[in-house]
C-alpha atoms as a PDB file:
ATOM      1  CA  MET A   1     -42.309  50.704  -6.578  1.00  0.00           C
ATOM      2  CA  ALA A   2     -43.219  46.950  -6.388  1.00  0.00           C
ATOM      3  CA  ALA A   3     -40.886  46.317  -8.964  1.00  0.00           C
ATOM      4  CA  ASP A   4     -38.118  48.013  -6.953  1.00  0.00           C
ATOM      5  CA  ASN A   5     -39.002  45.822  -4.052  1.00  0.00           C
ATOM      6  CA  ALA A   6     -39.112  42.259  -5.764  1.00  0.00           C
ATOM      7  CA  ASN A   7     -35.789  42.641  -7.573  1.00  0.00           C
ATOM      8  CA  VAL A   8     -33.692  43.542  -4.384  1.00  0.00           C
ATOM      9  CA  ASN A   9     -35.570  40.722  -2.935  1.00  0.00           C
ATOM     10  CA  ALA A  10     -34.111  38.979  -6.048  1.00  0.00           C
ATOM     11  CA  ASN A  11     -31.198  40.292  -5.569  1.00  0.00           C
ATOM     12  CA  SER A  12     -30.648  39.356  -1.754  1.00  0.00           C
ATOM     13  CA  ALA A  13     -32.157  36.106  -2.748  1.00  0.00           C
ATOM     14  CA  LYS A  14     -29.448  35.247  -5.410  1.00  0.00           C
ATOM     15  CA  ASP A  15     -27.040  36.691  -3.093  1.00  0.00           C
ATOM     16  CA  ASN A  16     -27.589  34.341  -0.013  1.00  0.00           C
ATOM     17  CA  ILE A  17     -27.027  31.905  -2.438  1.00  0.00           C
ATOM     18  CA  LYS A  18     -24.159  32.417  -3.425  1.00  0.00           C
ATOM     19  CA  LYS A  19     -22.886  32.180   0.328  1.00  0.00           C
ATOM     20  CA  LYS A  20     -24.465  29.611   1.177  1.00  0.00           C
ATOM     21  CA  VAL A  21     -22.692  27.187  -2.594  1.00  0.00           C
ATOM     22  CA  GLU A  22     -19.251  29.270  -1.417  1.00  0.00           C
ATOM     23  CA  GLU A  23     -19.690  27.866   2.263  1.00  0.00           C
ATOM     24  CA  LEU A  24     -20.660  24.436   1.097  1.00  0.00           C
ATOM     25  CA  ARG A  25     -17.915  24.470  -1.400  1.00  0.00           C
ATOM     26  CA  ASP A  26     -15.710  25.698   1.288  1.00  0.00           C
ATOM     27  CA  ASN A  27     -16.811  22.995   4.298  1.00  0.00           C
ATOM     28  CA  VAL A  28     -16.142  20.123   1.912  1.00  0.00           C
ATOM     29  CA  CYS A  29     -12.575  21.760   0.382  1.00  0.00           C
ATOM     30  CA  LYS A  30     -11.946  21.447   4.075  1.00  0.00           C
ATOM     31  CA  ASN A  31     -13.188  18.070   4.633  1.00  0.00           C
ATOM     32  CA  THR A  32     -11.408  16.583   1.919  1.00  0.00           C
ATOM     33  CA  GLU A  33      -7.880  17.917   2.624  1.00  0.00           C
ATOM     34  CA  SER A  34      -8.615  16.362   6.318  1.00  0.00           C
ATOM     35  CA  ARG A  35      -9.469  13.696   4.963  1.00  0.00           C
ATOM     36  CA  ILE A  36      -6.209  13.737   2.691  1.00  0.00           C
ATOM     37  CA  ALA A  37      -4.084  14.118   4.500  1.00  0.00           C
ATOM     38  CA  ILE A  38      -5.114  11.466   7.843  1.00  0.00           C
ATOM     39  CA  ARG A  39      -5.149   8.809   4.768  1.00  0.00           C
ATOM     40  CA  ALA A  40      -1.603  10.018   3.851  1.00  0.00           C
ATOM     41  CA  THR A  41      -0.570   9.418   7.331  1.00  0.00           C
ATOM     42  CA  ARG A  42      -2.508   6.487   7.867  1.00  0.00           C
ATOM     43  CA  TYR A  43      -0.890   5.007   4.511  1.00  0.00           C
ATOM     44  CA  LYS A  44       2.983   6.226   6.238  1.00  0.00           C
ATOM     45  CA  ASN A  45       2.436   4.172   9.395  1.00  0.00           C
ATOM     46  CA  ASN A  46       0.906   1.015   7.174  1.00  0.00           C
ATOM     47  CA  LYS A  47       4.341   1.245   5.251  1.00  0.00           C
ATOM     48  CA  GLU A  48       6.674   1.092   8.671  1.00  0.00           C
ATOM     49  CA  ARG A  49       4.653  -1.890   9.275  1.00  0.00           C
ATOM     50  CA  HIS A  50       4.573  -4.022   5.842  1.00  0.00           C
ATOM     51  CA  ALA A  51       7.999  -3.112   6.200  1.00  0.00           C
ATOM     52  CA  ALA A  52       8.777  -4.556   9.839  1.00  0.00           C
ATOM     53  CA  VAL A  53       6.348  -7.749   8.171  1.00  0.00           C
ATOM     54  CA  HIS A  54       8.400  -8.633   4.823  1.00  0.00           C
ATOM     55  CA  ASN A  55      11.752  -7.895   7.224  1.00  0.00           C
ATOM     56  CA  GLN A  56      10.544 -10.667  10.056  1.00  0.00           C
ATOM     57  CA  ILE A  57       9.588 -13.495   6.725  1.00  0.00           C
ATOM     58  CA  ARG A  58      13.366 -12.185   4.852  1.00  0.00           C
ATOM     59  CA  GLU A  59      15.078 -12.939   8.513  1.00  0.00           C
ATOM     60  CA  LYS A  60      13.108 -16.582   9.251  1.00  0.00           C
ATOM     61  CA  ILE A  61      13.930 -17.525   5.840  1.00  0.00           C
ATOM     62  CA  GLN A  62      18.019 -16.413   5.994  1.00  0.00           C
ATOM     63  CA  LYS A  63      17.951 -18.184   9.089  1.00  0.00           C
ATOM     64  CA  LEU A  64      16.692 -20.904   8.266  1.00  0.00           C
ATOM     65  CA  ILE A  65      18.682 -21.457   4.635  1.00  0.00           C
ATOM     66  CA  SER A  66      21.574 -20.599   7.653  1.00  0.00           C
ATOM     67  CA  ARG A  67      21.086 -23.441   9.912  1.00  0.00           C
ATOM     68  CA  LEU A  68      19.967 -26.101   6.798  1.00  0.00           C
ATOM     69  CA  GLN A  69      23.593 -24.819   5.056  1.00  0.00           C
ATOM     70  CA  ALA A  70      26.190 -25.687   7.917  1.00  0.00           C
ATOM     71  CA  LYS A  71      24.157 -29.010   8.030  1.00  0.00           C
ATOM     72  CA  GLY A  72      25.389 -29.186   4.423  1.00  0.00           C
ATOM     73  CA  TYR A  73      21.498 -30.078   3.145  1.00  0.00           C
ATOM     74  CA  ASP A  74      20.755 -27.899  -0.874  1.00  0.00           C
ATOM     75  CA  VAL A  75      19.327 -24.768  -0.341  1.00  0.00           C
ATOM     76  CA  ALA A  76      20.073 -22.978  -3.247  1.00  0.00           C
ATOM     77  CA  LYS A  77      16.063 -22.721  -4.398  1.00  0.00           C
ATOM     78  CA  LEU A  78      15.683 -22.146  -1.447  1.00  0.00           C
ATOM     79  CA  ASN A  79      18.254 -18.577  -1.890  1.00  0.00           C
ATOM     80  CA  GLU A  80      17.184 -18.068  -5.655  1.00  0.00           C
ATOM     81  CA  ASP A  81      13.248 -17.986  -3.963  1.00  0.00           C
ATOM     82  CA  LEU A  82      15.295 -15.607  -1.384  1.00  0.00           C
ATOM     83  CA  ALA A  83      16.346 -12.865  -4.352  1.00  0.00           C
ATOM     84  CA  THR A  84      12.856 -12.646  -5.961  1.00  0.00           C
ATOM     85  CA  LEU A  85      11.183 -12.161  -2.362  1.00  0.00           C
ATOM     86  CA  ASP A  86      13.719  -9.349  -1.983  1.00  0.00           C
ATOM     87  CA  SER A  87      13.448  -8.489  -5.655  1.00  0.00           C
ATOM     88  CA  LYS A  88       9.431  -8.152  -4.893  1.00  0.00           C
ATOM     89  CA  ILE A  89       9.206  -6.430  -1.610  1.00  0.00           C
ATOM     90  CA  SER A  90      11.746  -3.553  -2.307  1.00  0.00           C
ATOM     91  CA  LYS A  91       9.421  -2.686  -5.741  1.00  0.00           C
ATOM     92  CA  PHE A  92       6.695  -3.146  -3.249  1.00  0.00           C
ATOM     93  CA  GLY A  93       8.268  -0.256  -1.492  1.00  0.00           C
ATOM     94  CA  THR A  94       9.076   1.672  -4.415  1.00  0.00           C
ATOM     95  CA  ASP A  95       5.766   1.286  -5.586  1.00  0.00           C
ATOM     96  CA  TYR A  96       4.078   2.157  -2.219  1.00  0.00           C
ATOM     97  CA  GLU A  97       6.637   5.571  -1.179  1.00  0.00           C
ATOM     98  CA  ILE A  98       5.467   6.873  -5.282  1.00  0.00           C
ATOM     99  CA  TYR A  99       1.758   6.754  -3.747  1.00  0.00           C
ATOM    100  CA  ILE A 100       2.597   8.337  -0.415  1.00  0.00           C
ATOM    101  CA  ASN A 101       4.327  11.531  -2.810  1.00  0.00           C
ATOM    102  CA  GLN A 102       1.565  11.222  -5.000  1.00  0.00           C
ATOM    103  CA  LEU A 103      -1.055  11.554  -2.220  1.00  0.00           C
ATOM    104  CA  THR A 104       0.777  14.137  -0.446  1.00  0.00           C
ATOM    105  CA  ALA A 105       1.165  15.922  -3.218  1.00  0.00           C
ATOM    106  CA  THR A 106      -2.685  15.655  -3.902  1.00  0.00           C
ATOM    107  CA  GLN A 107      -2.547  18.420  -1.093  1.00  0.00           C
ATOM    108  CA  GLY A 108      -0.632  21.404  -2.477  1.00  0.00           C
ATOM    109  CA  TYR A 109      -3.815  22.395  -5.193  1.00  0.00           C
ATOM    110  CA  ILE A 110      -5.879  24.610  -3.073  1.00  0.00           C
ATOM    111  CA  CYS A 111      -9.781  23.197  -3.522  1.00  0.00           C
ATOM    112  CA  GLY A 112     -11.884  24.634  -5.621  1.00  0.00           C
ATOM    113  CA  GLN A 113      -9.345  26.901  -7.601  1.00  0.00           C
ATOM    114  CA  SER A 114      -7.331  23.776  -8.980  1.00  0.00           C
ATOM    115  CA  GLU A 115      -9.227  23.531 -12.241  1.00  0.00           C
ATOM    116  CA  GLY A 116      -9.190  19.521 -11.996  1.00  0.00           C
ATOM    117  CA  LYS A 117      -5.729  18.897 -11.703  1.00  0.00           C
ATOM    118  CA  PHE A 118      -6.832  17.573  -7.959  1.00  0.00           C
ATOM    119  CA  ILE A 119      -9.029  14.865  -9.223  1.00  0.00           C
ATOM    120  CA  ALA A 120      -6.592  14.716 -11.478  1.00  0.00           C
ATOM    121  CA  ALA A 121      -3.931  13.926  -9.563  1.00  0.00           C
ATOM    122  CA  LEU A 122      -5.961  12.053  -6.941  1.00  0.00           C
ATOM    123  CA  LYS A 123      -6.834   9.782  -9.634  1.00  0.00           C
ATOM    124  CA  GLU A 124      -3.012   9.099 -10.689  1.00  0.00           C
ATOM    125  CA  ALA A 125      -2.400   8.642  -6.615  1.00  0.00           C
ATOM    126  CA  ASN A 126      -5.644   5.633  -7.104  1.00  0.00           C
ATOM    127  CA  THR A 127      -4.219   4.224  -9.705  1.00  0.00           C
ATOM    128  CA  TYR A 128      -0.312   3.853  -7.906  1.00  0.00           C
ATOM    129  CA  LEU A 129      -2.766   2.530  -3.957  1.00  0.00           C
ATOM    130  CA  LYS A 130      -4.110  -0.734  -6.564  1.00  0.00           C
ATOM    131  CA  LEU A 131      -0.510  -0.843  -7.874  1.00  0.00           C
ATOM    132  CA  VAL A 132       0.401  -1.398  -4.229  1.00  0.00           C
ATOM    133  CA  HIS A 133      -2.202  -3.814  -3.915  1.00  0.00           C
ATOM    134  CA  GLN A 134      -1.213  -5.959  -6.205  1.00  0.00           C
ATOM    135  CA  ASP A 135       2.118  -5.969  -5.049  1.00  0.00           C
ATOM    136  CA  SER A 136       1.454  -7.374  -1.812  1.00  0.00           C
ATOM    137  CA  LEU A 137      -0.677  -9.883  -3.689  1.00  0.00           C
ATOM    138  CA  ASP A 138       3.150 -11.014  -5.434  1.00  0.00           C
ATOM    139  CA  ILE A 139       4.269 -10.974  -2.085  1.00  0.00           C
ATOM    140  CA  ARG A 140       1.988 -13.573  -0.469  1.00  0.00           C
ATOM    141  CA  LEU A 141       0.829 -15.737  -2.804  1.00  0.00           C
ATOM    142  CA  PHE A 142       4.985 -16.030  -3.950  1.00  0.00           C
ATOM    143  CA  TYR A 143       5.580 -16.928  -0.089  1.00  0.00           C
ATOM    144  CA  GLN A 144       2.281 -19.019   0.014  1.00  0.00           C
ATOM    145  CA  GLN A 145       2.428 -20.488  -3.693  1.00  0.00           C
ATOM    146  CA  THR A 146       6.707 -20.947  -3.928  1.00  0.00           C
ATOM    147  CA  ILE A 147       8.270 -20.562  -0.906  1.00  0.00           C
ATOM    148  CA  ARG A 148       6.666 -22.596   1.160  1.00  0.00           C
ATOM    149  CA  PRO A 149       7.105 -25.941  -1.111  1.00  0.00           C
ATOM    150  CA  ASP A 150      10.909 -25.369  -1.001  1.00  0.00           C
ATOM    151  CA  ILE A 151      10.636 -25.261   2.549  1.00  0.00           C
ATOM    152  CA  LEU A 152       8.102 -28.444   2.299  1.00  0.00           C
ATOM    153  CA  ALA A 153      10.572 -30.216   0.295  1.00  0.00           C
ATOM    154  CA  LEU A 154      14.021 -29.372   1.986  1.00  0.00           C
ATOM    155  CA  LYS A 155      12.230 -31.090   4.634  1.00  0.00           C
ATOM    156  CA  GLU A 156      11.626 -34.120   2.799  1.00  0.00           C
ATOM    157  CA  GLN A 157      15.426 -33.889   1.566  1.00  0.00           C
ATOM    158  CA  ILE A 158      15.611 -33.588   5.905  1.00  0.00           C
ATOM    159  CA  LYS A 159      13.821 -37.244   6.802  1.00  0.00           C
ATOM    160  CA  ALA A 160      15.006 -38.943   3.458  1.00  0.00           C
ATOM    161  CA  ALA A 161      18.706 -38.350   4.818  1.00  0.00           C
ATOM    162  CA  LEU A 162      18.162 -39.588   8.582  1.00  0.00           C
ATOM    163  CA  PRO A 163      18.321 -42.924   8.880  1.00  0.00           C
ATOM    164  CA  GLU A 164      15.292 -44.361   9.844  1.00  0.00           C
ATOM    165  CA  THR A 165      15.253 -45.318  13.626  1.00  0.00           C
ATOM    166  CA  GLY A 166      12.879 -47.094  15.942  1.00  0.00           C
ATOM    167  CA  SER A 167      12.345 -49.573  13.182  1.00  0.00           C
ATOM    168  CA  VAL A 168      11.843 -53.316  15.498  1.00  0.00           C
ATOM    169  CA  GLU A 169      13.190 -56.182  13.089  1.00  0.00           C
END
């Protein structure tokens, strides 16, 4: 009789532990799914912000080229820079879209039942996130190290073309 009570108590304890583990797994799954949904939404919003900033930079450079070209200055180098910038911005947008799609695809896996597919998909999405960060860095560095020096060279060209004024002799 005492052995039966011990077995009942052991089975009851095991059942309680199993229930607790399932509850914890469900909570982890719900939290993970929620965080991924928030993350995907945040990155979608950031994509629009990045696109707006990139378009502003592009438009400013285009206006500068148009204005200086109308005045007869050589803007060929700046036109080449603008074409390169456009390709970098396009690559950034494509990689960003792939990242968001990969991140959103992870939501299709049922938590706790995907046999590692969820984690694999999340890791793949994160590799695209690293690529997006690298693309963003490439755009910033290209602007700082190539476009800005070319604009400064154009300013020097303009200064050299202007007649000296204000000198008293």
